[in-house]
Protein backbone atom coordinates (compact mmCIF):
# COMPACT_ATOMS: atom_id res chain seq x y z
CA MET A 1 96.36 71.09 156.33
CA LYS A 2 94.12 69.01 154.11
CA HIS A 3 92.30 72.34 153.00
CA VAL A 4 95.62 73.36 151.39
CA ALA A 5 95.91 69.99 149.46
CA ARG A 6 92.54 70.00 148.53
CA ALA A 7 92.25 73.71 147.10
CA THR A 8 91.22 74.46 143.31
CA THR A 9 92.36 77.59 142.80
CA VAL A 10 95.81 79.38 144.48
CA GLU A 11 93.43 82.05 146.20
CA GLU A 12 91.82 78.79 148.34
CA VAL A 13 95.08 77.71 149.07
CA TYR A 14 95.97 81.09 150.86
CA GLY A 15 92.72 81.09 152.63
CA ALA A 16 93.43 77.56 153.91
CA ALA A 17 96.88 78.37 155.00
CA MET A 18 95.88 81.44 157.01
CA ASP A 19 92.99 79.33 158.53
CA CYS A 20 95.47 76.65 159.49
CA LEU A 21 97.99 79.23 161.02
CA GLU A 22 94.82 80.70 163.06
CA GLN A 23 94.20 77.09 164.34
CA ALA A 24 97.67 75.84 164.76
CA VAL A 25 99.32 78.88 166.81
CA GLY A 26 96.48 80.78 167.55
CA VAL A 27 97.60 84.00 165.31
CA ARG A 28 94.68 86.19 163.46
CA ARG A 29 96.68 88.59 161.83
CA SER A 30 99.11 86.89 158.85
CA SER A 31 99.63 87.53 155.22
CA VAL A 32 101.27 85.47 152.31
CA LEU A 33 103.61 87.45 150.08
CA LEU A 34 105.68 86.06 146.80
CA PHE A 35 108.50 87.48 144.61
CA ASP A 36 107.11 89.08 141.20
CA ASP A 37 108.55 89.02 137.98
CA GLU A 38 110.95 91.95 138.77
CA GLY A 39 111.69 89.95 142.12
CA VAL A 40 109.85 92.38 144.51
CA MET A 41 108.39 90.76 147.45
CA ARG A 42 104.47 91.66 147.10
CA PHE A 43 101.02 90.66 149.21
CA VAL A 44 99.10 87.90 147.42
CA ALA A 45 96.79 87.23 150.67
CA TRP A 46 96.73 88.87 153.75
CA ARG A 47 94.45 89.25 156.99
CA GLY A 48 93.79 91.94 159.72
CA LEU A 49 95.91 94.61 157.76
CA SER A 50 95.32 98.03 156.55
CA ASP A 51 95.78 99.58 153.23
CA ALA A 52 98.27 101.79 154.43
CA TYR A 53 100.54 99.10 156.06
CA ARG A 54 100.75 97.01 153.59
CA GLN A 55 102.09 99.86 150.96
CA ALA A 56 104.41 101.17 153.60
CA VAL A 57 105.94 97.64 153.82
CA GLU A 58 105.64 95.90 150.65
CA GLY A 59 109.14 94.93 149.18
CA HIS A 60 110.89 95.15 152.77
CA THR A 61 112.19 91.29 153.41
CA PRO A 62 115.22 90.01 154.84
CA TRP A 63 115.89 87.63 151.50
CA LYS A 64 116.55 88.69 148.47
CA PRO A 65 115.85 86.50 144.98
CA GLY A 66 117.82 82.94 144.79
CA THR A 67 118.64 83.04 148.43
CA ARG A 68 119.06 79.43 149.26
CA GLY A 69 118.36 77.72 152.30
CA ALA A 70 116.56 80.62 154.10
CA GLU A 71 115.53 80.12 157.89
CA PRO A 72 112.62 81.38 159.68
CA LEU A 73 113.28 84.99 161.30
CA MET A 74 111.67 85.66 164.50
CA VAL A 75 110.89 89.36 166.45
CA PRO A 76 109.71 88.81 169.34
CA ASN A 77 109.51 92.39 170.31
CA VAL A 78 109.55 95.10 167.60
CA ASP A 79 110.88 97.88 170.21
CA GLU A 80 113.82 95.93 170.79
CA ASP A 81 114.98 95.24 167.13
CA PRO A 82 117.54 97.72 165.39
CA ALA A 83 116.88 96.66 162.11
CA LEU A 84 112.94 97.87 162.24
CA ALA A 85 113.85 101.26 164.15
CA ASP A 86 112.08 103.30 161.21
CA TYR A 87 109.34 101.21 160.56
CA ARG A 88 108.13 101.47 164.93
CA PRO A 89 105.48 103.95 164.44
CA LEU A 90 104.31 102.24 161.57
CA LEU A 91 104.41 99.18 163.48
CA HIS A 92 102.92 100.52 166.88
CA GLY A 93 99.70 102.33 164.69
CA GLU A 94 99.21 98.48 163.29
CA GLY A 95 99.08 97.49 166.80
CA ILE A 96 102.07 95.20 166.03
CA ALA A 97 104.44 94.45 168.63
CA ALA A 98 106.13 90.79 167.50
CA LEU A 99 106.71 89.59 163.87
CA ALA A 100 107.63 86.20 162.66
CA PHE A 101 109.48 85.81 158.91
CA VAL A 102 108.84 81.97 157.88
CA PRO A 103 110.06 81.23 153.76
CA LEU A 104 108.28 79.53 151.63
CA GLN A 105 110.28 77.29 150.06
CA LEU A 106 110.48 74.75 147.61
CA GLY A 107 113.43 72.58 147.87
CA ASP A 108 115.95 75.62 147.94
CA VAL A 109 113.96 77.59 145.89
CA LEU A 110 112.57 80.71 147.84
CA LEU A 111 109.21 82.02 146.37
CA GLY A 112 107.95 83.84 149.11
CA LYS A 113 107.10 84.44 152.82
CA PHE A 114 104.78 83.74 155.45
CA MET A 115 104.32 86.48 158.01
CA LEU A 116 102.71 86.00 161.11
CA TYR A 117 101.64 89.51 163.44
CA PHE A 118 101.31 89.49 167.41
CA GLY A 119 99.47 92.30 169.54
CA ARG A 120 101.45 91.92 171.98
CA PRO A 121 105.87 90.59 172.52
CA HIS A 122 105.67 87.00 171.51
CA VAL A 123 108.25 84.19 171.81
CA VAL A 124 107.14 81.36 168.99
CA PRO A 125 107.88 77.92 170.49
CA GLN A 126 110.13 75.44 168.57
CA THR A 127 107.13 73.11 168.27
CA GLU A 128 104.50 75.85 166.87
CA LEU A 129 107.30 77.06 164.79
CA VAL A 130 107.85 73.55 163.37
CA LEU A 131 104.21 73.42 162.51
CA VAL A 132 104.30 76.77 160.81
CA GLN A 133 107.18 75.28 158.54
CA ALA A 134 105.34 72.51 157.84
CA ILE A 135 102.33 74.73 156.51
CA ALA A 136 104.89 76.79 154.77
CA GLY A 137 105.93 73.77 152.77
CA HIS A 138 102.36 72.47 151.92
CA VAL A 139 101.94 76.20 150.73
CA ALA A 140 104.91 76.19 148.45
CA PHE A 141 104.20 73.07 147.01
CA ALA A 142 100.37 74.08 145.99
CA ILE A 143 101.91 77.63 144.87
CA ASP A 144 104.24 75.20 142.47
CA ARG A 145 101.55 72.77 141.30
CA PHE A 146 99.30 75.69 140.35
CA ALA A 147 102.06 77.94 138.48
CA ALA A 148 103.01 74.51 136.82
CA GLU A 149 98.94 73.84 135.55
CA ALA A 150 98.86 77.29 134.83
CA THR A 151 101.95 77.09 132.58
CA ALA A 152 100.33 73.95 131.23
CA GLU A 153 97.25 76.06 130.31
CA LYS A 154 98.74 78.78 128.65
CA ALA A 155 100.74 76.51 126.45
CA ARG A 156 97.78 74.53 125.82
CA SER A 157 96.04 77.80 124.78
CA GLU A 158 98.73 79.00 123.00
CA VAL A 159 99.12 75.50 120.69
CA ALA A 160 95.09 76.07 120.39
CA ARG A 161 95.78 79.53 119.54
CA SER A 162 98.23 78.56 116.69
CA ALA A 163 96.08 75.76 115.64
CA ARG A 164 93.34 78.11 114.99
CA ARG A 165 95.42 80.74 113.01
CA LEU A 166 96.78 77.99 111.04
CA ARG A 167 93.16 76.63 110.35
CA ILE A 168 91.76 80.20 109.13
CA LEU A 169 95.08 80.77 107.14
CA ALA A 170 94.52 77.61 105.45
CA GLU A 171 90.46 78.13 104.77
CA GLN A 172 91.30 81.87 103.69
CA SER A 173 93.69 80.51 101.03
CA ALA A 174 90.90 78.27 99.70
CA ALA A 175 88.38 80.65 100.30
CA MET A 176 90.18 83.39 98.06
CA ALA A 177 92.06 81.40 96.02
CA GLY A 178 90.94 82.27 92.15
CA ALA A 179 89.97 85.23 92.89
CA LEU A 180 91.74 87.27 89.48
CA ASP A 181 90.37 90.47 89.71
CA SER A 182 90.68 92.85 93.07
CA GLU A 183 87.30 93.57 93.89
CA THR A 184 86.38 89.86 93.75
CA ALA A 185 89.47 89.22 96.32
CA LEU A 186 88.14 92.13 98.18
CA GLN A 187 84.68 90.94 98.62
CA ARG A 188 85.46 87.32 99.46
CA LEU A 189 88.05 88.47 102.16
CA THR A 190 85.16 90.68 103.69
CA SER A 191 82.51 87.63 103.79
CA PHE A 192 85.53 85.74 105.13
CA LEU A 193 86.13 87.83 107.92
CA VAL A 194 82.78 87.66 108.94
CA ARG A 195 82.65 84.09 109.11
CA HIS A 196 85.69 83.53 111.06
CA VAL A 197 86.53 86.93 112.85
CA ALA A 198 83.90 89.39 112.87
CA ASP A 199 79.72 90.22 113.18
CA TYR A 200 80.29 92.61 110.56
CA CYS A 201 82.84 93.84 107.64
CA VAL A 202 83.37 96.69 105.20
CA THR A 203 86.12 97.20 103.09
CA TYR A 204 87.56 99.75 101.39
CA SER A 205 89.92 100.21 98.31
CA LEU A 206 92.38 103.36 97.86
CA GLU A 207 91.42 104.77 94.05
CA ALA A 208 93.91 105.96 91.85
CA ASP A 209 92.48 109.21 92.56
CA GLY A 210 93.30 109.13 96.52
CA ALA A 211 89.43 108.46 97.23
CA LEU A 212 88.20 105.69 99.42
CA ARG A 213 85.70 103.57 98.05
CA CYS A 214 83.89 101.05 99.98
CA VAL A 215 83.87 97.54 97.99
CA ALA A 216 82.17 95.06 100.16
CA VAL A 217 79.40 94.96 103.23
CA CYS A 218 78.72 91.85 104.98
CA HIS A 219 76.70 91.30 108.52
CA ARG A 220 76.14 87.68 109.92
CA ASP A 221 72.19 88.85 109.72
CA ALA A 222 71.58 89.80 106.20
CA GLY A 223 68.86 91.93 107.50
CA LYS A 224 71.10 94.06 109.34
CA GLY A 225 73.35 93.84 106.14
CA VAL A 226 71.65 96.74 104.74
CA LEU A 227 71.67 98.65 107.82
CA VAL A 228 75.21 98.51 107.66
CA GLU A 229 75.36 99.45 103.90
CA ARG A 230 72.68 102.86 104.68
CA LEU A 231 75.51 103.50 107.59
CA VAL A 232 78.25 103.37 105.04
CA ARG A 233 76.62 105.58 102.15
CA GLY A 234 75.88 107.85 105.05
CA ARG A 235 79.49 108.80 105.93
CA GLN A 236 82.41 108.38 103.50
CA PRO A 237 86.16 108.38 105.06
CA LYS A 238 88.85 110.27 103.53
CA VAL A 239 92.23 109.77 103.52
CA ASP A 240 93.04 112.92 105.32
CA ASP A 241 90.81 112.21 108.50
CA PRO A 242 92.81 112.82 111.57
CA VAL A 243 91.29 109.20 112.77
CA GLY A 244 89.84 105.96 112.04
CA ILE A 245 89.66 104.36 108.22
CA GLY A 246 91.62 107.35 106.39
CA ALA A 247 94.00 107.40 109.21
CA VAL A 248 94.52 103.83 108.91
CA VAL A 249 95.05 104.13 105.29
CA ARG A 250 97.35 107.08 105.27
CA THR A 251 99.35 105.48 108.14
CA GLY A 252 99.36 102.00 107.28
CA GLN A 253 99.04 101.31 111.11
CA ALA A 254 95.95 99.38 112.51
CA LEU A 255 93.40 100.36 114.96
CA LEU A 256 92.13 98.38 117.67
CA ALA A 257 89.08 99.75 119.69
CA GLU A 258 88.24 97.12 122.47
CA GLN A 259 85.42 99.04 123.31
CA ALA A 260 84.16 100.73 120.04
CA GLY A 261 80.10 101.31 120.66
CA ASP A 262 80.36 104.65 122.82
CA SER A 263 83.62 106.08 120.78
CA MET A 264 81.52 105.34 117.17
CA LEU A 265 78.58 107.53 118.60
CA ASP A 266 80.93 110.24 119.89
CA VAL A 267 81.36 111.03 116.13
CA ASP A 268 80.37 114.64 115.92
CA GLU A 269 79.64 114.78 112.25
CA TRP A 270 76.85 111.95 112.54
CA SER A 271 73.41 112.93 112.15
CA PRO A 272 71.02 111.53 114.32
CA GLN A 273 70.12 109.20 112.06
CA LEU A 274 73.26 107.80 111.86
CA ARG A 275 73.43 107.51 115.51
CA ARG A 276 70.31 105.59 115.40
CA MET A 277 71.97 103.18 112.86
CA VAL A 278 75.17 102.62 115.12
CA GLN A 279 72.62 101.85 118.56
CA GLU A 280 70.76 99.61 116.32
CA LEU A 281 73.78 97.44 115.08
CA GLN A 282 75.47 97.64 118.63
CA PRO A 283 79.08 97.42 117.62
CA ARG A 284 80.80 96.07 120.74
CA SER A 285 84.66 96.21 119.72
CA SER A 286 86.24 96.60 116.47
CA ILE A 287 89.37 96.54 114.45
CA VAL A 288 90.39 98.89 111.44
CA VAL A 289 93.28 96.94 109.59
CA PRO A 290 95.29 98.39 106.68
CA LEU A 291 95.80 96.11 103.34
CA ARG A 292 99.44 96.54 102.43
CA ALA A 293 101.55 94.78 100.17
CA ARG A 294 104.67 95.73 98.78
CA GLY A 295 105.20 98.70 100.69
CA ARG A 296 101.85 100.40 99.46
CA THR A 297 98.49 100.53 101.28
CA LEU A 298 95.74 99.54 99.16
CA GLY A 299 92.76 99.92 101.26
CA ALA A 300 91.47 98.86 104.49
CA SER A 301 89.04 96.27 106.05
CA VAL A 302 87.04 97.47 109.35
CA VAL A 303 85.76 94.52 111.53
CA THR A 304 83.36 95.00 114.44
CA THR A 305 81.69 92.65 117.05
CA THR A 306 78.11 93.52 118.27
CA ALA A 307 76.75 93.06 121.62
CA ASP A 308 75.15 89.87 120.55
CA SER A 309 78.17 87.96 120.82
CA GLU A 310 79.55 89.13 123.97
CA ARG A 311 83.41 89.44 122.40
CA SER A 312 85.56 91.84 122.28
CA TYR A 313 88.83 92.03 120.26
CA THR A 314 92.52 91.73 121.84
CA VAL A 315 95.70 92.09 120.77
CA ALA A 316 96.36 88.71 119.65
CA ASP A 317 93.36 89.41 117.40
CA LEU A 318 94.93 92.61 115.80
CA ALA A 319 97.89 90.27 114.83
CA LEU A 320 95.87 87.71 113.38
CA LEU A 321 93.67 90.10 111.15
CA ASP A 322 96.93 92.01 110.30
CA GLU A 323 98.48 88.86 108.97
CA LEU A 324 95.01 87.92 106.87
CA ALA A 325 94.92 91.42 105.83
CA GLY A 326 98.50 90.94 104.53
CA ARG A 327 98.10 87.90 102.70
CA ALA A 328 94.47 89.26 101.20
CA ALA A 329 96.41 92.59 100.21
CA LEU A 330 98.94 90.81 98.63
CA LEU A 331 96.56 88.36 96.52
CA VAL A 332 94.80 91.85 95.50
CA ASP A 333 98.10 93.17 94.45
CA ASN A 334 98.82 90.26 92.44
CA ALA A 335 95.39 90.66 91.15
CA ARG A 336 95.81 94.43 89.99
CA LEU A 337 99.17 93.23 88.26
CA TYR A 338 97.56 90.84 86.43
CA HIS A 339 95.11 93.39 85.14
CA ALA A 340 97.50 95.68 84.14
CA ALA A 341 99.36 92.78 82.14
CA GLN A 342 96.37 91.65 80.57
CA GLU A 343 95.85 95.74 79.25
CA ALA A 344 99.01 95.98 78.35
CA VAL A 345 98.64 93.07 76.10
CA ARG A 346 95.62 94.32 74.99
CA MET A 347 97.12 97.54 74.25
CA ARG A 348 99.68 96.15 72.44
CA ASP A 349 97.65 94.31 70.19
CA GLU A 350 95.50 97.25 69.42
CA VAL A 351 99.19 99.44 68.77
CA VAL A 352 99.95 96.48 66.45
CA ALA A 353 96.25 96.37 64.91
CA VAL A 354 96.06 99.91 64.52
CA VAL A 355 99.87 100.50 63.43
CA SER A 356 99.02 97.77 60.95
CA HIS A 357 96.27 98.98 59.32
CA ASP A 358 97.17 102.85 58.98
CA ILE A 359 100.68 101.84 57.91
CA ARG A 360 99.31 99.33 55.05
CA GLY A 361 97.50 102.22 52.97
CA PRO A 362 100.96 104.40 52.79
CA LEU A 363 103.16 101.46 51.70
CA GLN A 364 100.41 100.07 49.06
CA THR A 365 100.60 103.41 47.88
CA ILE A 366 104.39 103.47 47.76
CA THR A 367 104.41 100.12 46.18
CA THR A 368 102.28 100.93 43.43
CA ALA A 369 103.99 104.16 42.56
CA CYS A 370 107.53 102.51 42.25
CA ALA A 371 106.11 99.76 40.14
CA ILE A 372 104.69 102.47 37.55
CA LEU A 373 107.98 104.21 37.72
CA GLY A 374 109.58 101.18 36.83
CA MET A 375 107.57 100.66 33.79
CA PRO A 376 109.06 101.49 30.24
CA GLY A 377 107.95 104.83 28.43
CA VAL A 378 107.13 106.33 31.51
CA SER A 379 106.76 110.31 30.87
CA ALA A 380 108.54 113.02 33.22
CA VAL A 381 105.31 114.10 34.02
CA GLN A 382 104.11 110.84 35.30
CA HIS A 383 107.73 110.44 37.16
CA GLN A 384 107.15 113.69 39.24
CA GLN A 385 103.48 112.62 39.55
CA GLY A 386 104.88 109.20 41.06
CA LEU A 387 107.35 111.19 43.31
CA GLU A 388 104.83 113.30 44.65
CA VAL A 389 102.58 110.51 45.55
CA ILE A 390 105.59 108.33 47.40
CA GLY A 391 106.53 111.68 49.28
CA ARG A 392 102.88 112.25 50.42
CA ALA A 393 102.90 108.46 51.69
CA VAL A 394 106.00 108.81 53.46
CA ALA A 395 104.83 111.53 55.05
CA GLN A 396 101.48 110.33 56.12
CA MET A 397 103.69 107.19 57.96
CA GLU A 398 106.42 110.19 59.43
CA ARG A 399 103.33 111.67 61.06
CA LEU A 400 102.02 108.06 62.46
CA THR A 401 105.21 107.58 63.65
CA THR A 402 105.67 111.01 65.37
CA ASP A 403 102.33 110.58 66.88
CA LEU A 404 103.11 107.26 68.20
CA LEU A 405 106.41 108.75 70.17
CA ASP A 406 104.28 111.69 71.61
CA ILE A 407 101.73 109.61 72.93
CA SER A 408 104.29 107.05 74.64
CA ARG A 409 106.14 110.15 76.00
CA ILE A 410 102.94 111.62 77.26
CA GLU A 411 101.69 108.24 78.80
CA ALA A 412 105.15 108.05 80.40
CA GLY A 413 105.24 111.32 81.96
CA GLY A 414 108.17 112.53 79.50
CA LEU A 415 106.99 114.96 77.16
CA GLN A 416 109.61 117.60 77.36
CA LEU A 417 108.00 121.55 76.75
CA GLN A 418 110.27 124.43 75.46
CA LEU A 419 108.46 127.03 77.56
CA GLY A 420 108.36 130.72 76.55
CA GLU A 421 106.23 133.61 76.22
CA VAL A 422 104.19 133.04 73.28
CA ASP A 423 101.20 135.18 71.19
CA ALA A 424 97.94 132.88 70.63
CA ALA A 425 96.94 135.34 67.96
CA GLU A 426 100.00 134.57 65.86
CA ILE A 427 99.52 130.74 66.62
CA ALA A 428 95.84 130.59 65.21
CA ALA A 429 96.51 132.92 62.28
CA GLU A 430 99.40 130.35 61.28
CA VAL A 431 97.71 127.14 61.99
CA GLY A 432 94.45 128.84 60.08
CA ALA A 433 96.78 129.64 56.94
CA ALA A 434 98.79 126.51 56.66
CA LEU A 435 95.47 124.47 56.66
CA ARG A 436 93.20 126.69 54.77
CA PRO A 437 94.09 124.68 51.57
CA THR A 438 93.12 121.51 52.97
CA ALA A 439 89.44 123.34 54.18
CA GLU A 440 88.77 124.63 50.46
CA ALA A 441 89.98 121.24 49.14
CA GLY A 442 86.99 119.54 51.04
CA GLY A 443 84.37 122.76 50.25
CA ILE A 444 84.90 124.27 53.99
CA ALA A 445 84.57 127.57 55.03
CA LEU A 446 87.54 128.14 57.42
CA GLU A 447 87.06 131.14 59.72
CA VAL A 448 89.81 132.63 62.46
CA ALA A 449 88.80 135.06 65.11
CA VAL A 450 90.78 136.37 67.66
CA GLU A 451 89.87 138.35 70.49
CA PRO A 452 92.17 142.04 70.54
CA GLY A 453 94.49 142.54 73.62
CA LEU A 454 95.11 138.89 74.47
CA PRO A 455 97.60 138.53 77.36
CA ARG A 456 100.76 136.51 76.06
CA LEU A 457 100.73 132.32 77.08
CA TRP A 458 103.92 130.44 79.04
CA ALA A 459 104.11 127.95 76.36
CA ASP A 460 105.35 125.58 74.04
CA ARG A 461 104.70 127.26 70.90
CA ASN A 462 105.43 124.18 68.62
CA ARG A 463 103.15 122.09 70.70
CA LEU A 464 100.21 124.71 70.72
CA VAL A 465 100.53 124.67 67.09
CA GLN A 466 100.36 120.93 66.93
CA VAL A 467 97.05 121.49 69.28
CA LEU A 468 95.53 123.70 66.95
CA SER A 469 96.56 121.82 64.05
CA ASN A 470 94.97 118.40 65.44
CA LEU A 471 91.89 119.93 66.51
CA LEU A 472 91.37 121.75 62.90
CA THR A 473 92.37 118.26 61.04
CA ASN A 474 89.69 116.52 63.29
CA ALA A 475 86.95 119.13 62.62
CA PHE A 476 87.62 118.96 58.85
CA LYS A 477 87.40 115.11 58.85
CA PHE A 478 83.82 115.38 60.27
CA THR A 479 82.52 118.55 58.74
CA PRO A 480 80.65 117.87 55.44
CA GLU A 481 81.06 119.76 52.31
CA GLY A 482 79.71 123.08 52.57
CA GLY A 483 80.00 123.16 56.24
CA LYS A 484 82.01 125.62 58.05
CA VAL A 485 84.87 125.56 60.60
CA VAL A 486 85.63 128.52 63.09
CA VAL A 487 88.92 128.91 65.26
CA SER A 488 88.03 131.49 67.83
CA VAL A 489 91.33 132.74 70.48
CA SER A 490 89.72 134.73 73.56
CA ARG A 491 90.61 135.37 76.93
CA HIS A 492 89.67 133.00 79.71
CA SER A 493 90.01 133.14 83.43
CA GLY A 494 93.91 134.04 83.49
CA GLY A 495 95.00 132.78 80.46
CA VAL A 496 93.55 132.33 76.96
CA ARG A 497 90.94 129.95 75.51
CA MET A 498 91.27 128.25 71.64
CA ALA A 499 88.40 126.97 70.45
CA VAL A 500 87.56 124.80 67.15
CA SER A 501 83.90 124.60 66.19
CA ASP A 502 82.56 122.81 63.24
CA THR A 503 79.21 122.48 61.95
CA GLY A 504 79.89 118.46 61.20
CA CYS A 505 77.66 115.74 62.35
CA GLY A 506 78.00 115.77 66.25
CA ILE A 507 78.91 113.79 68.89
CA PRO A 508 76.70 110.83 70.55
CA PRO A 509 77.13 112.09 74.48
CA GLU A 510 77.67 108.10 75.06
CA HIS A 511 81.01 108.84 72.62
CA ILE A 512 82.27 111.91 74.42
CA PRO A 513 83.97 110.37 77.76
CA ARG A 514 86.41 107.98 75.21
CA LEU A 515 87.11 110.79 72.80
CA PHE A 516 90.66 111.35 74.36
CA ASP A 517 91.48 107.59 74.60
CA ARG A 518 94.17 106.67 72.48
CA PHE A 519 93.32 105.19 69.39
CA TRP A 520 89.52 105.39 69.79
CA GLN A 521 87.60 106.50 66.68
CA ALA A 522 83.87 105.83 66.76
CA ASP A 523 84.15 105.53 63.25
CA ARG A 524 87.45 104.59 61.40
CA LYS A 525 85.92 104.73 57.76
CA ARG A 526 86.15 108.67 58.29
CA GLY A 527 89.96 108.87 57.53
CA ALA A 528 93.17 107.18 57.93
CA GLY A 529 93.86 108.68 61.28
CA ALA A 530 95.48 106.18 63.99
CA GLY A 531 93.08 107.68 67.15
CA LEU A 532 95.86 109.47 68.58
CA GLY A 533 95.28 113.55 67.51
CA LEU A 534 93.19 114.25 70.23
CA ALA A 535 94.84 111.94 72.86
CA ILE A 536 98.06 113.75 72.06
CA VAL A 537 95.94 117.19 72.44
CA LYS A 538 94.52 116.40 76.08
CA GLY A 539 98.23 115.51 76.95
CA ILE A 540 100.22 118.48 75.90
CA VAL A 541 96.92 120.87 77.53
CA GLU A 542 97.49 119.32 80.94
CA GLY A 543 101.18 119.31 80.20
CA HIS A 544 100.61 123.13 80.25
CA GLY A 545 98.63 122.93 83.17
CA GLY A 546 95.45 124.05 81.30
CA THR A 547 92.63 122.05 80.27
CA VAL A 548 90.23 120.79 77.34
CA GLU A 549 86.72 120.91 77.03
CA VAL A 550 83.94 119.29 74.31
CA HIS A 551 80.28 120.43 73.87
CA SER A 552 78.41 118.70 71.18
CA VAL A 553 75.13 118.32 69.91
CA VAL A 554 74.10 115.60 67.04
CA GLY A 555 73.39 116.85 63.87
CA GLN A 556 74.80 120.40 64.51
CA GLY A 557 78.70 120.13 65.27
CA SER A 558 80.90 120.17 67.95
CA THR A 559 83.33 122.62 69.92
CA PHE A 560 86.66 121.80 71.25
CA SER A 561 87.99 124.23 73.12
CA VAL A 562 91.51 124.02 75.05
CA SER A 563 92.60 126.76 78.21
CA ILE A 564 96.28 128.17 78.50
CA PRO A 565 97.42 129.79 81.66
CA SER A 566 99.04 133.09 80.56
CA ALA A 567 102.85 133.94 81.34
CA THR A 568 101.78 135.70 84.55
CA ALA A 569 100.39 132.19 85.48
CA GLN A 570 102.19 131.98 89.30
CA ALA A 571 102.18 127.96 89.04
CA VAL A 572 103.97 125.75 86.00
CA PRO A 573 103.44 122.09 86.18
CA ALA A 574 106.29 119.69 87.59
CA ALA A 575 105.84 117.88 83.92
CA ALA A 576 106.07 121.49 82.04
CA SER A 577 109.20 122.34 83.84
């Protein structure tokens, strides 16, 4: 029995115990069975038994879990024991004529049993039975010892895992501290994950338009980092992808691929060149984890181990990465909120500056006119002229106020449209007639050209008048004396196109992308406008489900055109309903 005591594994205990049984009582066939977590007696070691026999009798035992004070049970002849009647064909086929059930007990706790099998009817002498029970006692003690050691080792592993988790979380906080913009935060996260849990990592950001944009790539080997970048450029994930990065972003559920290499090569749409890149990177295991904060998915990180590290991810790694990603996502979201707050402050200051600038002129005009009207000896003509000056200044401030209200409604999605059938030709004629005096005062020729037989529009008439008026006013501002402005209205792909062309100075290409930004003007000295007219045009047109286009050549002039769906259009935007 010294071999049982010296065993270094529980498997060695079982083997040494069966060796002792063979030496002590001459039994060559024996087995060890233990209760599992569900209370079923299962084979853990055996000699001389077929697979079919073990499968047939596993779970059969004279004792239940929790039995105390169990005593050995002997079956000298299986043919004479009525309890084994159903098993006799099986026992005969296995060549078993006698059995001995010996409990494995630690104190009063039943752990399992020894089974002894004899080829002939056999009565175990009392002296041998005592010896078998002694062996069983040593085995039970050894099993308990190894179980205690396994529990202790599990506890130590858990402590080590918890300590590693806390250390990594603390280092993540330090690594990402001070990242006040989201892109820097995601780049730091990617580098951090490679230092601690991955061989390479790719992080994607979910953009406002629903596209996934790669913001960071990192590999332990800088040379292979270039290869990862080429791989990323070769295949752009989409949110509607049924599997992979897109699916993780769409569902918010992480993905664990314990063996990722073959599955990555099975992607049908990958070119032979991309497959070669994957083979060169030798991915072994991968996790795609979503970056979620405050109920929203902001992107995803893909961490991968390679064949060189000989490491595969587990569910425990998935839990750690999910926590790291969640903390990083919260930081990214905070950075975005910080940026939005900064932008709000900037826009507030911009509004204050623009309004202050554009309202100062009319106020000074009103102040001067009031001072003149208050002077003694003012004639009736001068009095009337002063009132007209004040009226024009008030109208100018009213337009500014109206524009500010309109742009705020547009940006808040609250622009109300009173929809109905509208005649675009009537609008062009009305606006042309109303603004012709302004054009003539500036020495500008104004033409209105309307294609006959135009379809009627499904639109807000007053808002379309506002759109065309804003475009014409803008054209007059940049057209010199002697120039020409043309309003053309024509049929255009299921609707009507209204265009305003001028022979002004034109717009530099670098300015065109900003034309419809609120308050933006290339040169504020050209007019007293607040820079809201084109932004309002864009908001109104898009509210109708239409589009705005600009074509310009520096030194030759510009054309602003808007396209509005006809009254027969099937879809009306929700914003306009």
